[in-house]
Amino acid sequence: RENVATGRDRALGNTLAAGVAWQFAPLWTLRSG
């Protein structure tokens, strides 16, 4: 995401993300990730 160029080079980036949302009341939601 930083968009920094360091020349032509083989490189890899991986982002793994997990999340949960719990609406424990009609107007309230608890989120974690």
PDB file of all heavy atoms in Angstrom:
ATOM      1  N   ARG A   1       0.808  -1.209   0.000  1.00  0.00           N
ATOM      2  CA  ARG A   1       0.000   0.000   0.000  1.00  0.00           C
ATOM      3  C   ARG A   1       0.847   1.267   0.000  1.00  0.00           C
ATOM      4  O   ARG A   1       0.387   2.320  -0.424  1.00  0.00           O
ATOM      5  CB  ARG A   1      -0.930   0.026   1.227  1.00  0.00           C
ATOM      6  CG  ARG A   1      -1.976  -1.067   1.242  1.00  0.00           C
ATOM      7  CD  ARG A   1      -2.836  -0.988   2.490  1.00  0.00           C
ATOM      8  NE  ARG A   1      -3.733   0.162   2.471  1.00  0.00           N
ATOM      9  CZ  ARG A   1      -3.672   1.163   3.308  1.00  0.00           C
ATOM     10  NH1 ARG A   1      -2.726   1.204   4.234  1.00  0.00           N
ATOM     11  NH2 ARG A   1      -4.552   2.161   3.256  1.00  0.00           N
ATOM     12  N   GLU A   2       2.095   1.174   0.473  1.00  0.00           N
ATOM     13  CA  GLU A   2       2.926   2.373   0.561  1.00  0.00           C
ATOM     14  C   GLU A   2       3.340   2.896  -0.809  1.00  0.00           C
ATOM     15  O   GLU A   2       3.762   4.045  -0.935  1.00  0.00           O
ATOM     16  CB  GLU A   2       4.182   2.082   1.388  1.00  0.00           C
ATOM     17  CG  GLU A   2       3.899   1.679   2.821  1.00  0.00           C
ATOM     18  CD  GLU A   2       3.566   0.204   2.951  1.00  0.00           C
ATOM     19  OE1 GLU A   2       4.120  -0.626   2.197  1.00  0.00           O
ATOM     20  OE2 GLU A   2       2.723  -0.129   3.801  1.00  0.00           O
ATOM     21  N   ASN A   3       3.270   2.042  -1.856  1.00  0.00           N
ATOM     22  CA  ASN A   3       3.640   2.438  -3.218  1.00  0.00           C
ATOM     23  C   ASN A   3       5.078   2.930  -3.325  1.00  0.00           C
ATOM     24  O   ASN A   3       5.389   3.819  -4.120  1.00  0.00           O
ATOM     25  CB  ASN A   3       2.691   3.509  -3.760  1.00  0.00           C
ATOM     26  CG  ASN A   3       1.265   3.006  -3.907  1.00  0.00           C
ATOM     27  OD1 ASN A   3       0.336   3.621  -3.414  1.00  0.00           O
ATOM     28  ND2 ASN A   3       1.082   1.901  -4.580  1.00  0.00           N
ATOM     29  N   VAL A   4       5.994   2.347  -2.542  1.00  0.00           N
ATOM     30  CA  VAL A   4       7.405   2.717  -2.596  1.00  0.00           C
ATOM     31  C   VAL A   4       8.095   1.875  -3.666  1.00  0.00           C
ATOM     32  O   VAL A   4       8.020   0.643  -3.650  1.00  0.00           O
ATOM     33  CB  VAL A   4       8.086   2.511  -1.235  1.00  0.00           C
ATOM     34  CG1 VAL A   4       9.583   2.764  -1.340  1.00  0.00           C
ATOM     35  CG2 VAL A   4       7.462   3.430  -0.193  1.00  0.00           C
ATOM     36  N   ALA A   5       8.764   2.532  -4.621  1.00  0.00           N
ATOM     37  CA  ALA A   5       9.488   1.839  -5.677  1.00  0.00           C
ATOM     38  C   ALA A   5      10.954   1.708  -5.291  1.00  0.00           C
ATOM     39  O   ALA A   5      11.613   2.694  -4.982  1.00  0.00           O
ATOM     40  CB  ALA A   5       9.360   2.592  -6.993  1.00  0.00           C
ATOM     41  N   THR A   6      11.477   0.491  -5.312  1.00  0.00           N
ATOM     42  CA  THR A   6      12.882   0.226  -5.015  1.00  0.00           C
ATOM     43  C   THR A   6      13.546  -0.468  -6.204  1.00  0.00           C
ATOM     44  O   THR A   6      14.387  -1.348  -6.029  1.00  0.00           O
ATOM     45  CB  THR A   6      13.023  -0.628  -3.749  1.00  0.00           C
ATOM     46  OG1 THR A   6      12.209  -1.813  -3.889  1.00  0.00           O
ATOM     47  CG2 THR A   6      12.575   0.133  -2.522  1.00  0.00           C
ATOM     48  N   GLY A   7      13.140  -0.074  -7.407  1.00  0.00           N
ATOM     49  CA  GLY A   7      13.696  -0.682  -8.606  1.00  0.00           C
ATOM     50  C   GLY A   7      12.947  -1.936  -8.999  1.00  0.00           C
ATOM     51  O   GLY A   7      11.956  -2.329  -8.377  1.00  0.00           O
ATOM     52  N   ARG A   8      13.412  -2.566 -10.057  1.00  0.00           N
ATOM     53  CA  ARG A   8      12.791  -3.807 -10.533  1.00  0.00           C
ATOM     54  C   ARG A   8      13.353  -4.971  -9.727  1.00  0.00           C
ATOM     55  O   ARG A   8      14.550  -5.270  -9.782  1.00  0.00           O
ATOM     56  CB  ARG A   8      13.050  -3.989 -12.026  1.00  0.00           C
ATOM     57  CG  ARG A   8      12.283  -5.157 -12.640  1.00  0.00           C
ATOM     58  CD  ARG A   8      12.435  -5.201 -14.157  1.00  0.00           C
ATOM     59  NE  ARG A   8      11.649  -6.282 -14.720  1.00  0.00           N
ATOM     60  CZ  ARG A   8      10.353  -6.190 -15.027  1.00  0.00           C
ATOM     61  NH1 ARG A   8       9.722  -5.045 -14.839  1.00  0.00           N
ATOM     62  NH2 ARG A   8       9.701  -7.216 -15.528  1.00  0.00           N
ATOM     63  N   ASP A   9      12.488  -5.642  -8.981  1.00  0.00           N
ATOM     64  CA  ASP A   9      12.939  -6.691  -8.065  1.00  0.00           C
ATOM     65  C   ASP A   9      11.769  -7.622  -7.793  1.00  0.00           C
ATOM     66  O   ASP A   9      10.622  -7.176  -7.636  1.00  0.00           O
ATOM     67  CB  ASP A   9      13.434  -6.065  -6.753  1.00  0.00           C
ATOM     68  CG  ASP A   9      13.815  -7.109  -5.725  1.00  0.00           C
ATOM     69  OD1 ASP A   9      14.538  -8.055  -6.067  1.00  0.00           O
ATOM     70  OD2 ASP A   9      13.371  -6.976  -4.564  1.00  0.00           O
ATOM     71  N   ARG A  10      12.038  -8.913  -7.729  1.00  0.00           N
ATOM     72  CA  ARG A  10      10.982  -9.856  -7.371  1.00  0.00           C
ATOM     73  C   ARG A  10      10.623  -9.655  -5.902  1.00  0.00           C
ATOM     74  O   ARG A  10      11.479  -9.710  -5.025  1.00  0.00           O
ATOM     75  CB  ARG A  10      11.434 -11.288  -7.616  1.00  0.00           C
ATOM     76  CG  ARG A  10      11.532 -11.646  -9.090  1.00  0.00           C
ATOM     77  CD  ARG A  10      11.845 -13.127  -9.265  1.00  0.00           C
ATOM     78  NE  ARG A  10      11.905 -13.485 -10.671  1.00  0.00           N
ATOM     79  CZ  ARG A  10      13.001 -13.458 -11.417  1.00  0.00           C
ATOM     80  NH1 ARG A  10      14.139 -13.069 -10.865  1.00  0.00           N
ATOM     81  NH2 ARG A  10      12.974 -13.794 -12.685  1.00  0.00           N
ATOM     82  N   ALA A  11       9.349  -9.413  -5.661  1.00  0.00           N
ATOM     83  CA  ALA A  11       8.885  -9.145  -4.291  1.00  0.00           C
ATOM     84  C   ALA A  11       7.467  -9.664  -4.145  1.00  0.00           C
ATOM     85  O   ALA A  11       6.729  -9.808  -5.133  1.00  0.00           O
ATOM     86  CB  ALA A  11       8.933  -7.645  -3.999  1.00  0.00           C
ATOM     87  N   LEU A  12       7.088  -9.944  -2.925  1.00  0.00           N
ATOM     88  CA  LEU A  12       5.722 -10.388  -2.666  1.00  0.00           C
ATOM     89  C   LEU A  12       5.185  -9.722  -1.415  1.00  0.00           C
ATOM     90  O   LEU A  12       5.929  -9.373  -0.500  1.00  0.00           O
ATOM     91  CB  LEU A  12       5.636 -11.916  -2.557  1.00  0.00           C
ATOM     92  CG  LEU A  12       6.317 -12.635  -1.382  1.00  0.00           C
ATOM     93  CD1 LEU A  12       5.436 -12.657  -0.128  1.00  0.00           C
ATOM     94  CD2 LEU A  12       6.668 -14.075  -1.766  1.00  0.00           C
ATOM     95  N   GLY A  13       3.878  -9.539  -1.412  1.00  0.00           N
ATOM     96  CA  GLY A  13       3.167  -9.034  -0.242  1.00  0.00           C
ATOM     97  C   GLY A  13       1.901  -9.838  -0.043  1.00  0.00           C
ATOM     98  O   GLY A  13       1.223 -10.210  -1.011  1.00  0.00           O
ATOM     99  N   ASN A  14       1.594 -10.143   1.204  1.00  0.00           N
ATOM    100  CA  ASN A  14       0.390 -10.924   1.506  1.00  0.00           C
ATOM    101  C   ASN A  14      -0.254 -10.375   2.769  1.00  0.00           C
ATOM    102  O   ASN A  14       0.425 -10.110   3.764  1.00  0.00           O
ATOM    103  CB  ASN A  14       0.723 -12.404   1.702  1.00  0.00           C
ATOM    104  CG  ASN A  14      -0.529 -13.262   1.779  1.00  0.00           C
ATOM    105  OD1 ASN A  14      -1.060 -13.666   0.746  1.00  0.00           O
ATOM    106  ND2 ASN A  14      -1.012 -13.546   2.977  1.00  0.00           N
ATOM    107  N   THR A  15      -1.572 -10.182   2.721  1.00  0.00           N
ATOM    108  CA  THR A  15      -2.333  -9.741   3.883  1.00  0.00           C
ATOM    109  C   THR A  15      -3.451 -10.738   4.150  1.00  0.00           C
ATOM    110  O   THR A  15      -4.329 -10.935   3.304  1.00  0.00           O
ATOM    111  CB  THR A  15      -2.931  -8.348   3.673  1.00  0.00           C
ATOM    112  OG1 THR A  15      -1.876  -7.396   3.484  1.00  0.00           O
ATOM    113  CG2 THR A  15      -3.761  -7.928   4.879  1.00  0.00           C
ATOM    114  N   LEU A  16      -3.395 -11.372   5.313  1.00  0.00           N
ATOM    115  CA  LEU A  16      -4.409 -12.321   5.754  1.00  0.00           C
ATOM    116  C   LEU A  16      -5.149 -11.703   6.924  1.00  0.00           C
ATOM    117  O   LEU A  16      -4.521 -11.251   7.891  1.00  0.00           O
ATOM    118  CB  LEU A  16      -3.764 -13.641   6.170  1.00  0.00           C
ATOM    119  CG  LEU A  16      -4.675 -14.718   6.744  1.00  0.00           C
ATOM    120  CD1 LEU A  16      -5.664 -15.210   5.691  1.00  0.00           C
ATOM    121  CD2 LEU A  16      -3.854 -15.881   7.296  1.00  0.00           C
ATOM    122  N   ALA A  17      -6.485 -11.647   6.850  1.00  0.00           N
ATOM    123  CA  ALA A  17      -7.264 -10.983   7.898  1.00  0.00           C
ATOM    124  C   ALA A  17      -8.514 -11.794   8.209  1.00  0.00           C
ATOM    125  O   ALA A  17      -9.142 -12.368   7.314  1.00  0.00           O
ATOM    126  CB  ALA A  17      -7.659  -9.570   7.459  1.00  0.00           C
ATOM    127  N   ALA A  18      -8.861 -11.830   9.503  1.00  0.00           N
ATOM    128  CA  ALA A  18     -10.071 -12.498   9.970  1.00  0.00           C
ATOM    129  C   ALA A  18     -10.825 -11.549  10.889  1.00  0.00           C
ATOM    130  O   ALA A  18     -10.219 -10.753  11.616  1.00  0.00           O
ATOM    131  CB  ALA A  18      -9.736 -13.796  10.706  1.00  0.00           C
ATOM    132  N   GLY A  19     -12.147 -11.611  10.863  1.00  0.00           N
ATOM    133  CA  GLY A  19     -12.950 -10.721  11.691  1.00  0.00           C
ATOM    134  C   GLY A  19     -14.243 -11.371  12.144  1.00  0.00           C
ATOM    135  O   GLY A  19     -14.705 -12.344  11.551  1.00  0.00           O
ATOM    136  N   VAL A  20     -14.799 -10.820  13.208  1.00  0.00           N
ATOM    137  CA  VAL A  20     -16.097 -11.272  13.714  1.00  0.00           C
ATOM    138  C   VAL A  20     -16.901 -10.053  14.152  1.00  0.00           C
ATOM    139  O   VAL A  20     -16.343  -9.100  14.720  1.00  0.00           O
ATOM    140  CB  VAL A  20     -15.923 -12.263  14.896  1.00  0.00           C
ATOM    141  CG1 VAL A  20     -15.113 -11.636  16.028  1.00  0.00           C
ATOM    142  CG2 VAL A  20     -17.282 -12.745  15.403  1.00  0.00           C
ATOM    143  N   ALA A  21     -18.182 -10.048  13.827  1.00  0.00           N
ATOM    144  CA  ALA A  21     -19.101  -8.992  14.249  1.00  0.00           C
ATOM    145  C   ALA A  21     -20.268  -9.636  14.999  1.00  0.00           C
ATOM    146  O   ALA A  21     -20.889 -10.577  14.504  1.00  0.00           O
ATOM    147  CB  ALA A  21     -19.610  -8.213  13.038  1.00  0.00           C
ATOM    148  N   TRP A  22     -20.556  -9.101  16.195  1.00  0.00           N
ATOM    149  CA  TRP A  22     -21.611  -9.656  17.045  1.00  0.00           C
ATOM    150  C   TRP A  22     -22.559  -8.529  17.425  1.00  0.00           C
ATOM    151  O   TRP A  22     -22.191  -7.610  18.145  1.00  0.00           O
ATOM    152  CB  TRP A  22     -20.998 -10.284  18.297  1.00  0.00           C
ATOM    153  CG  TRP A  22     -22.015 -10.752  19.303  1.00  0.00           C
ATOM    154  CD1 TRP A  22     -23.248 -11.275  19.046  1.00  0.00           C
ATOM    155  CD2 TRP A  22     -21.872 -10.743  20.732  1.00  0.00           C
ATOM    156  NE1 TRP A  22     -23.896 -11.591  20.207  1.00  0.00           N
ATOM    157  CE2 TRP A  22     -23.069 -11.274  21.260  1.00  0.00           C
ATOM    158  CE3 TRP A  22     -20.854 -10.346  21.597  1.00  0.00           C
ATOM    159  CZ2 TRP A  22     -23.270 -11.396  22.624  1.00  0.00           C
ATOM    160  CZ3 TRP A  22     -21.051 -10.468  22.957  1.00  0.00           C
ATOM    161  CH2 TRP A  22     -22.255 -10.997  23.461  1.00  0.00           C
ATOM    162  N   GLN A  23     -23.781  -8.605  16.941  1.00  0.00           N
ATOM    163  CA  GLN A  23     -24.808  -7.632  17.307  1.00  0.00           C
ATOM    164  C   GLN A  23     -25.526  -8.158  18.554  1.00  0.00           C
ATOM    165  O   GLN A  23     -26.500  -8.882  18.474  1.00  0.00           O
ATOM    166  CB  GLN A  23     -25.799  -7.431  16.161  1.00  0.00           C
ATOM    167  CG  GLN A  23     -26.803  -6.315  16.417  1.00  0.00           C
ATOM    168  CD  GLN A  23     -27.732  -6.085  15.237  1.00  0.00           C
ATOM    169  OE1 GLN A  23     -27.588  -6.692  14.185  1.00  0.00           O
ATOM    170  NE2 GLN A  23     -28.705  -5.208  15.431  1.00  0.00           N
ATOM    171  N   PHE A  24     -24.999  -7.768  19.723  1.00  0.00           N
ATOM    172  CA  PHE A  24     -25.497  -8.331  20.968  1.00  0.00           C
ATOM    173  C   PHE A  24     -26.723  -7.598  21.505  1.00  0.00           C
ATOM    174  O   PHE A  24     -27.333  -8.033  22.484  1.00  0.00           O
ATOM    175  CB  PHE A  24     -24.398  -8.347  22.033  1.00  0.00           C
ATOM    176  CG  PHE A  24     -23.858  -6.992  22.390  1.00  0.00           C
ATOM    177  CD1 PHE A  24     -24.416  -6.259  23.428  1.00  0.00           C
ATOM    178  CD2 PHE A  24     -22.789  -6.448  21.697  1.00  0.00           C
ATOM    179  CE1 PHE A  24     -23.915  -5.016  23.772  1.00  0.00           C
ATOM    180  CE2 PHE A  24     -22.284  -5.199  22.033  1.00  0.00           C
ATOM    181  CZ  PHE A  24     -22.848  -4.480  23.065  1.00  0.00           C
ATOM    182  N   ALA A  25     -27.083  -6.482  20.877  1.00  0.00           N
ATOM    183  CA  ALA A  25     -28.287  -5.741  21.232  1.00  0.00           C
ATOM    184  C   ALA A  25     -28.777  -5.041  19.964  1.00  0.00           C
ATOM    185  O   ALA A  25     -28.015  -4.871  19.007  1.00  0.00           O
ATOM    186  CB  ALA A  25     -28.010  -4.734  22.343  1.00  0.00           C
ATOM    187  N   PRO A  26     -30.042  -4.621  19.917  1.00  0.00           N
ATOM    188  CA  PRO A  26     -30.569  -4.027  18.683  1.00  0.00           C
ATOM    189  C   PRO A  26     -29.752  -2.851  18.151  1.00  0.00           C
ATOM    190  O   PRO A  26     -29.640  -2.681  16.939  1.00  0.00           O
ATOM    191  CB  PRO A  26     -31.983  -3.590  19.087  1.00  0.00           C
ATOM    192  CG  PRO A  26     -32.366  -4.525  20.179  1.00  0.00           C
ATOM    193  CD  PRO A  26     -31.103  -4.795  20.932  1.00  0.00           C
ATOM    194  N   LEU A  27     -29.148  -2.037  19.039  1.00  0.00           N
ATOM    195  CA  LEU A  27     -28.406  -0.859  18.605  1.00  0.00           C
ATOM    196  C   LEU A  27     -26.909  -0.988  18.805  1.00  0.00           C
ATOM    197  O   LEU A  27     -26.155  -0.052  18.506  1.00  0.00           O
ATOM    198  CB  LEU A  27     -28.915   0.383  19.344  1.00  0.00           C
ATOM    199  CG  LEU A  27     -30.404   0.725  19.172  1.00  0.00           C
ATOM    200  CD1 LEU A  27     -30.766   1.948  19.993  1.00  0.00           C
ATOM    201  CD2 LEU A  27     -30.745   0.945  17.699  1.00  0.00           C
ATOM    202  N   TRP A  28     -26.443  -2.138  19.295  1.00  0.00           N
ATOM    203  CA  TRP A  28     -25.029  -2.311  19.622  1.00  0.00           C
ATOM    204  C   TRP A  28     -24.414  -3.456  18.815  1.00  0.00           C
ATOM    205  O   TRP A  28     -25.028  -4.502  18.643  1.00  0.00           O
ATOM    206  CB  TRP A  28     -24.851  -2.621  21.109  1.00  0.00           C
ATOM    207  CG  TRP A  28     -25.048  -1.439  22.008  1.00  0.00           C
ATOM    208  CD1 TRP A  28     -26.208  -1.018  22.580  1.00  0.00           C
ATOM    209  CD2 TRP A  28     -24.035  -0.527  22.441  1.00  0.00           C
ATOM    210  NE1 TRP A  28     -25.997   0.101  23.346  1.00  0.00           N
ATOM    211  CE2 TRP A  28     -24.662   0.434  23.281  1.00  0.00           C
ATOM    212  CE3 TRP A  28     -22.662  -0.423  22.213  1.00  0.00           C
ATOM    213  CZ2 TRP A  28     -23.955   1.472  23.877  1.00  0.00           C
ATOM    214  CZ3 TRP A  28     -21.968   0.609  22.807  1.00  0.00           C
ATOM    215  CH2 TRP A  28     -22.615   1.542  23.631  1.00  0.00           C
ATOM    216  N   THR A  29     -23.163  -3.228  18.353  1.00  0.00           N
ATOM    217  CA  THR A  29     -22.408  -4.255  17.644  1.00  0.00           C
ATOM    218  C   THR A  29     -20.974  -4.253  18.156  1.00  0.00           C
ATOM    219  O   THR A  29     -20.359  -3.192  18.299  1.00  0.00           O
ATOM    220  CB  THR A  29     -22.395  -4.021  16.125  1.00  0.00           C
ATOM    221  OG1 THR A  29     -23.741  -4.010  15.635  1.00  0.00           O
ATOM    222  CG2 THR A  29     -21.612  -5.115  15.412  1.00  0.00           C
ATOM    223  N   LEU A  30     -20.457  -5.427  18.448  1.00  0.00           N
ATOM    224  CA  LEU A  30     -19.081  -5.602  18.886  1.00  0.00           C
ATOM    225  C   LEU A  30     -18.289  -6.214  17.731  1.00  0.00           C
ATOM    226  O   LEU A  30     -18.699  -7.221  17.152  1.00  0.00           O
ATOM    227  CB  LEU A  30     -19.016  -6.508  20.111  1.00  0.00           C
ATOM    228  CG  LEU A  30     -17.664  -6.627  20.829  1.00  0.00           C
ATOM    229  CD1 LEU A  30     -17.269  -5.296  21.439  1.00  0.00           C
ATOM    230  CD2 LEU A  30     -17.724  -7.719  21.899  1.00  0.00           C
ATOM    231  N   ARG A  31     -17.154  -5.594  17.375  1.00  0.00           N
ATOM    232  CA  ARG A  31     -16.339  -6.077  16.260  1.00  0.00           C
ATOM    233  C   ARG A  31     -14.916  -6.345  16.737  1.00  0.00           C
ATOM    234  O   ARG A  31     -14.370  -5.585  17.545  1.00  0.00           O
ATOM    235  CB  ARG A  31     -16.307  -5.052  15.124  1.00  0.00           C
ATOM    236  CG  ARG A  31     -17.671  -4.709  14.557  1.00  0.00           C
ATOM    237  CD  ARG A  31     -17.551  -3.734  13.393  1.00  0.00           C
ATOM    238  NE  ARG A  31     -18.853  -3.288  12.946  1.00  0.00           N
ATOM    239  CZ  ARG A  31     -19.622  -3.932  12.075  1.00  0.00           C
ATOM    240  NH1 ARG A  31     -19.164  -5.073  11.553  1.00  0.00           N
ATOM    241  NH2 ARG A  31     -20.799  -3.473  11.720  1.00  0.00           N
ATOM    242  N   SER A  32     -14.305  -7.391  16.193  1.00  0.00           N
ATOM    243  CA  SER A  32     -12.902  -7.685  16.475  1.00  0.00           C
ATOM    244  C   SER A  32     -12.258  -8.248  15.209  1.00  0.00           C
ATOM    245  O   SER A  32     -12.945  -8.799  14.340  1.00  0.00           O
ATOM    246  CB  SER A  32     -12.756  -8.668  17.634  1.00  0.00           C
ATOM    247  OG  SER A  32     -13.324  -9.921  17.292  1.00  0.00           O
ATOM    248  N   GLY A  33     -10.938  -8.083  15.115  1.00  0.00           N
ATOM    249  CA  GLY A  33     -10.249  -8.571  13.929  1.00  0.00           C
ATOM    250  C   GLY A  33      -8.775  -8.814  14.180  1.00  0.00           C
ATOM    251  O   GLY A  33      -8.170  -8.229  15.088  1.00  0.00           O
TER     252      GLY A  33
END
